[in-house]
Every structure is written in C-alpha cells, then in structure tokens.
Amino acid sequence: MKAAEAQTRPSAWLLAPTSDSDWVTDAARILRDLGFAVQTGVSATVPEMAADADLVMASAAAAIPSPLMQAWRARGAVCAVVLPPGAAPALTRTEAAMATLRAPVTEAALLAMLAARHYLALSAREAAGIARAIAAQTFGNPAFASELLQALVSSTRDDLAQLRQAGASLETVRGVAHRLKASAHYVGCHALRLMAQRLEHAARDGDAATAAALAKIVAPTAARLLSLLASLPAANTADKSTGK
C-alpha cells in the first residue's frame, strides 16, 4: 500500500490486551480487504493516537474509559465492543449503547455492524482530495478535467440507480461494482475502490448474502461520492451549460 493512500483511507484501531487478542488478526485482515488502514494496540498511548479513527473495535477486556469511547463516537467514529465467545455481556452503560460483536469476528458480522451504523466507505480525507485527484488524472488540463468530471457524474449516477434496482441479479451487481471500482480509482477514493472490488468478487462467486451486505454500504457511499462530484465547480458549470 502506498503511504499517501494509507493516510487517506478510513482508519481502524483494534484494541485488545494480549490475553484477549485472538480475534484481532482475522478482524484486521477483513478490514484491510474492505479498505481500512488498520492499526492495533494495547498501550496507554493508543487512545490518543486513535483520536481521529473512523472505526474503533475494543475488546471488553481492554477497559477503555467510557469518556474516550464517547469522545470517539462524538467525532463520528463507529465504535464496537468485542466480547469473548460465549461470554455473558457485562458492559458499562456506554458500552451497552454501542455495537457489540462476538469473537471470532467474521466478515458477515462486520458488514452488518457497519451498515447498521451507516458507515460510508469514503473518509473525510479522501473526500477532500477528490478535486486534486481529478486534476492529477488530467495533467492539470481544466477542459480535460471538466470532461472527466462530467463522465464520472453521469456514470456514478447511472451505476447507483442500477445497483439500487439490481435486486437478485448478481450479474448486474458485478458489472456495477466493476465500474464503481474504476470511478473510485480515478478520484482517489481507495476505500470505496476496495469495497466495490470485494462486492464485484462476491457477485462473481455467486455469494448473494455477502453481496447484499456489501451493497448496503457501497450504495450509500456511491451516493455520497455522487453528491461530492456534483458539487465541484466544473460540474455545476457544465450542468448549467447543458441544461441538466
């Protein structure tokens, strides 16, 4: 992974003491495949380092102070407590208000949790860099950039409509995911690119359950990307000139 790409992707922190960290390896692998830049830790300095995280998953045994968890949530992070397998929940009031998962953590459980928490696979850092990414793709040529932007707005709008109407057609989902993957690459939205790639593979493999779970995240993320693209100055100018 390129350093610049890692810095813009949504960040995930997995916090667990050594005695309760069996779930971390699998969760980290799944999250990386879904586009997260993952870091793990147990030290006392981790809470401050994780201040700008987009996702925090903490073992119940990590005993993260409630004010810190509340502060992360207030900043918009998705927060989840991971319970040992078969353990009866014994959570603080703050923890009980957050998502809970049981070890071992599965992709299905993670996707369901992210969708339920309205997670978007597009970080604020990636959103802020879309215009720069388009400029880089078009070598600083304003006319070329405007053409690419309009093509991206049109294709993203069409792909979003098809994804929402795809129903059980995995072939339609696969095609849409493939195109969204390319669009996300052009604008430097690497988390969406990887999430769309995972959706493409699930649809190709006939994994309807995973494809449906991924689509619940990809569709609203694509809608957010469309909104960002349409708000760029060149898009507004072109829309007015074409009467759209």
Protein backbone atom coordinates (compact mmCIF):
# COMPACT_ATOMS: atom_id res chain seq x y z
CA MET A 1 0.00 0.00 0.00
CA LYS A 2 1.36 3.45 -0.91
CA ALA A 3 1.98 5.71 2.09
CA ALA A 4 -0.22 8.50 0.69
CA GLU A 5 -3.06 6.04 0.08
CA ALA A 6 -2.80 4.64 3.60
CA GLN A 7 -3.00 8.14 5.06
CA THR A 8 -6.27 8.95 3.30
CA ARG A 9 -8.12 5.66 3.81
CA PRO A 10 -10.58 5.28 6.68
CA SER A 11 -8.60 4.28 9.75
CA ALA A 12 -9.46 1.43 12.11
CA TRP A 13 -7.98 0.78 15.54
CA LEU A 14 -8.27 -2.66 17.11
CA LEU A 15 -7.61 -2.53 20.84
CA ALA A 16 -7.15 -5.64 22.95
CA PRO A 17 -4.90 -6.91 25.74
CA THR A 18 -2.68 -9.84 24.85
CA SER A 19 -4.90 -12.14 26.90
CA ASP A 20 -7.92 -11.39 24.69
CA SER A 21 -6.47 -10.66 21.25
CA ASP A 22 -7.27 -13.84 19.31
CA TRP A 23 -9.92 -12.01 17.27
CA VAL A 24 -7.60 -9.20 16.17
CA THR A 25 -5.70 -10.98 13.36
CA ASP A 26 -8.82 -12.07 11.49
CA ALA A 27 -10.59 -8.76 12.03
CA ALA A 28 -7.55 -6.83 10.76
CA ARG A 29 -7.34 -8.93 7.60
CA ILE A 30 -11.04 -8.49 6.83
CA LEU A 31 -10.94 -4.75 7.45
CA ARG A 32 -7.89 -4.27 5.23
CA ASP A 33 -9.71 -6.09 2.43
CA LEU A 34 -12.62 -3.69 2.97
CA GLY A 35 -10.40 -0.64 2.55
CA PHE A 36 -9.38 0.29 6.09
CA ALA A 37 -5.90 1.29 7.18
CA VAL A 38 -5.67 -0.90 10.30
CA GLN A 39 -3.63 -0.38 13.43
CA THR A 40 -3.62 -2.42 16.61
CA GLY A 41 -2.50 -1.71 20.12
CA VAL A 42 -2.86 -2.19 23.84
CA SER A 43 -0.63 0.54 25.26
CA ALA A 44 -1.76 3.51 27.30
CA THR A 45 -0.86 5.86 24.42
CA VAL A 46 -3.23 4.21 21.96
CA PRO A 47 -6.40 6.11 22.94
CA GLU A 48 -4.83 9.45 21.99
CA MET A 49 -3.34 8.01 18.80
CA ALA A 50 -6.77 6.71 17.82
CA ALA A 51 -8.45 10.08 18.29
CA ASP A 52 -9.15 10.53 14.56
CA ALA A 53 -10.14 6.92 13.86
CA ASP A 54 -13.13 6.10 11.67
CA LEU A 55 -13.64 2.74 13.40
CA VAL A 56 -12.62 1.60 16.87
CA MET A 57 -13.09 -2.00 17.95
CA ALA A 58 -12.10 -2.70 21.52
CA SER A 59 -12.09 -5.91 23.49
CA ALA A 60 -14.30 -5.66 26.55
CA ALA A 61 -11.17 -6.67 28.48
CA ALA A 62 -9.30 -3.62 27.18
CA ALA A 63 -11.27 -1.49 29.64
CA ILE A 64 -11.18 1.65 27.51
CA PRO A 65 -12.51 4.52 29.64
CA SER A 66 -16.10 5.47 28.82
CA PRO A 67 -15.28 9.17 28.21
CA LEU A 68 -12.85 8.18 25.48
CA MET A 69 -15.38 5.93 23.78
CA GLN A 70 -17.96 8.72 23.96
CA ALA A 71 -15.46 11.19 22.50
CA TRP A 72 -14.70 8.88 19.57
CA ARG A 73 -18.40 8.44 18.87
CA ALA A 74 -18.96 12.20 19.09
CA ARG A 75 -16.32 12.67 16.38
CA GLY A 76 -18.26 10.29 14.14
CA ALA A 77 -16.30 7.07 14.62
CA VAL A 78 -18.06 3.72 14.54
CA CYS A 79 -17.30 2.07 17.88
CA ALA A 80 -17.78 -1.57 18.81
CA VAL A 81 -17.05 -3.77 21.80
CA VAL A 82 -15.81 -7.30 21.09
CA LEU A 83 -16.95 -9.95 23.56
CA PRO A 84 -15.29 -13.34 24.11
CA PRO A 85 -17.16 -16.30 22.55
CA GLY A 86 -19.99 -17.45 24.77
CA ALA A 87 -19.42 -14.73 27.35
CA ALA A 88 -22.43 -13.12 29.00
CA PRO A 89 -22.44 -9.36 28.32
CA ALA A 90 -21.27 -7.36 31.32
CA LEU A 91 -20.94 -3.95 29.74
CA THR A 92 -20.85 -0.44 31.08
CA ARG A 93 -23.73 1.85 30.17
CA THR A 94 -21.59 3.48 27.47
CA GLU A 95 -20.53 0.14 26.02
CA ALA A 96 -24.09 -1.15 26.02
CA ALA A 97 -25.10 1.77 23.78
CA MET A 98 -22.53 0.79 21.15
CA ALA A 99 -22.30 -2.03 18.66
CA THR A 100 -21.24 -5.38 20.07
CA LEU A 101 -19.57 -8.27 18.28
CA ARG A 102 -18.54 -11.69 19.46
CA ALA A 103 -15.19 -13.29 18.80
CA PRO A 104 -14.27 -14.70 16.41
CA VAL A 105 -15.16 -11.68 14.30
CA THR A 106 -16.49 -12.60 10.85
CA GLU A 107 -16.86 -10.56 7.67
CA ALA A 108 -20.65 -11.00 7.82
CA ALA A 109 -20.78 -9.62 11.35
CA LEU A 110 -18.53 -6.69 10.47
CA LEU A 111 -20.53 -5.77 7.37
CA ALA A 112 -23.82 -5.95 9.26
CA MET A 113 -22.42 -3.76 12.02
CA LEU A 114 -21.01 -1.17 9.60
CA ALA A 115 -24.25 -1.00 7.61
CA ALA A 116 -26.34 -0.66 10.77
CA ARG A 117 -24.12 2.23 11.88
CA HIS A 118 -24.48 3.93 8.47
CA TYR A 119 -20.78 3.66 7.70
CA LEU A 120 -19.63 5.22 4.41
CA ALA A 121 -16.50 3.83 2.74
CA LEU A 122 -15.24 7.33 1.97
CA SER A 123 -13.18 9.14 4.56
CA ALA A 124 -13.17 12.90 5.03
CA ARG A 125 -9.55 12.89 3.91
CA GLU A 126 -10.45 11.13 0.66
CA ALA A 127 -13.42 13.45 0.09
CA ALA A 128 -11.18 16.49 0.47
CA GLY A 129 -8.78 15.16 -2.15
CA ILE A 130 -11.24 14.40 -4.97
CA ALA A 131 -10.62 17.60 -6.91
CA ARG A 132 -6.85 17.13 -6.63
CA ALA A 133 -7.15 13.54 -7.80
CA ILE A 134 -9.10 14.57 -10.89
CA ALA A 135 -6.56 17.30 -11.65
CA ALA A 136 -3.74 14.76 -11.35
CA GLN A 137 -5.55 12.31 -13.64
CA THR A 138 -5.96 15.02 -16.29
CA PHE A 139 -2.45 16.52 -16.01
CA GLY A 140 -3.76 19.89 -14.87
CA ASN A 141 -5.78 20.44 -18.06
CA PRO A 142 -9.02 22.23 -17.00
CA ALA A 143 -11.02 21.22 -20.08
CA PHE A 144 -9.96 17.59 -19.75
CA ALA A 145 -10.75 17.70 -16.03
CA SER A 146 -14.23 19.06 -16.74
CA GLU A 147 -14.88 16.27 -19.26
CA LEU A 148 -13.70 13.60 -16.83
CA LEU A 149 -15.78 15.08 -14.03
CA GLN A 150 -18.93 15.06 -16.16
CA ALA A 151 -18.27 11.47 -17.21
CA LEU A 152 -17.83 10.48 -13.58
CA VAL A 153 -21.04 12.24 -12.50
CA SER A 154 -23.00 10.54 -15.28
CA SER A 155 -21.55 7.07 -14.74
CA THR A 156 -21.84 7.21 -10.94
CA ARG A 157 -25.47 8.35 -11.20
CA ASP A 158 -26.28 5.51 -13.61
CA ASP A 159 -24.39 2.90 -11.59
CA LEU A 160 -26.08 3.94 -8.36
CA ALA A 161 -29.51 3.64 -9.97
CA GLN A 162 -28.67 0.19 -11.34
CA LEU A 163 -27.30 -1.01 -8.00
CA ARG A 164 -30.43 0.11 -6.18
CA GLN A 165 -32.61 -1.70 -8.73
CA ALA A 166 -30.45 -4.81 -9.18
CA GLY A 167 -32.38 -7.00 -6.77
CA ALA A 168 -31.16 -10.59 -7.01
CA SER A 169 -29.28 -10.07 -10.30
CA LEU A 170 -25.69 -10.77 -9.28
CA GLU A 171 -24.51 -10.16 -12.84
CA THR A 172 -25.88 -6.62 -12.69
CA VAL A 173 -24.27 -6.10 -9.29
CA ARG A 174 -20.95 -7.43 -10.59
CA GLY A 175 -20.97 -5.03 -13.55
CA VAL A 176 -21.89 -2.04 -11.42
CA ALA A 177 -19.24 -2.88 -8.83
CA HIS A 178 -16.60 -3.18 -11.55
CA ARG A 179 -17.42 0.26 -12.91
CA LEU A 180 -17.63 1.87 -9.47
CA LYS A 181 -14.23 0.40 -8.67
CA ALA A 182 -12.78 2.25 -11.67
CA SER A 183 -14.56 5.51 -10.84
CA ALA A 184 -13.32 5.37 -7.25
CA HIS A 185 -9.78 4.85 -8.52
CA TYR A 186 -9.97 7.96 -10.72
CA VAL A 187 -10.94 10.16 -7.77
CA GLY A 188 -8.57 8.63 -5.21
CA CYS A 189 -11.30 7.05 -3.08
CA HIS A 190 -9.41 3.88 -2.26
CA ALA A 191 -11.75 2.62 0.46
CA LEU A 192 -14.69 2.67 -1.96
CA ARG A 193 -12.50 1.07 -4.63
CA LEU A 194 -11.67 -1.87 -2.36
CA MET A 195 -15.24 -2.19 -1.08
CA ALA A 196 -16.50 -2.23 -4.68
CA GLN A 197 -13.85 -4.78 -5.57
CA ARG A 198 -14.99 -7.03 -2.73
CA LEU A 199 -18.58 -6.60 -3.95
CA GLU A 200 -17.54 -7.49 -7.50
CA HIS A 201 -15.84 -10.68 -6.30
CA ALA A 202 -18.78 -11.72 -4.12
CA ALA A 203 -21.20 -11.24 -7.03
CA ARG A 204 -18.88 -13.09 -9.40
CA ASP A 205 -18.62 -16.01 -6.96
CA GLY A 206 -22.40 -16.21 -6.52
CA ASP A 207 -22.21 -15.21 -2.84
CA ALA A 208 -25.56 -13.46 -2.69
CA ALA A 209 -25.56 -12.91 1.09
CA THR A 210 -22.17 -11.18 1.12
CA ALA A 211 -23.03 -9.18 -1.99
CA ALA A 212 -26.24 -7.93 -0.38
CA ALA A 213 -24.38 -6.95 2.79
CA LEU A 214 -21.71 -5.11 0.83
CA ALA A 215 -24.28 -3.35 -1.35
CA LYS A 216 -25.81 -1.80 1.78
CA ILE A 217 -22.52 0.04 2.26
CA VAL A 218 -21.47 0.59 -1.35
CA ALA A 219 -24.79 2.17 -2.43
CA PRO A 220 -24.88 4.98 0.16
CA THR A 221 -21.14 5.54 -0.33
CA ALA A 222 -21.68 5.91 -4.08
CA ALA A 223 -24.50 8.36 -3.34
CA ARG A 224 -22.10 10.39 -1.20
CA LEU A 225 -19.47 10.32 -3.94
CA LEU A 226 -22.05 11.48 -6.49
CA SER A 227 -23.01 14.38 -4.23
CA LEU A 228 -19.37 15.40 -3.86
CA LEU A 229 -18.70 15.18 -7.59
CA ALA A 230 -21.82 17.15 -8.47
CA SER A 231 -20.83 19.90 -6.03
CA LEU A 232 -17.49 20.61 -7.72
CA PRO A 233 -17.44 23.92 -9.62
CA ALA A 234 -16.79 22.36 -13.04
CA ALA A 235 -19.79 20.07 -12.63
CA ASN A 236 -22.09 22.95 -11.78
CA THR A 237 -20.87 24.98 -14.76
CA ALA A 238 -21.33 22.10 -17.17
CA ASP A 239 -24.78 21.30 -15.82
CA LYS A 240 -25.89 24.87 -16.46
CA SER A 241 -24.45 24.91 -19.96
CA THR A 242 -26.22 21.68 -20.91
CA GLY A 243 -29.46 22.47 -19.16
CA LYS A 244 -29.22 19.48 -16.78
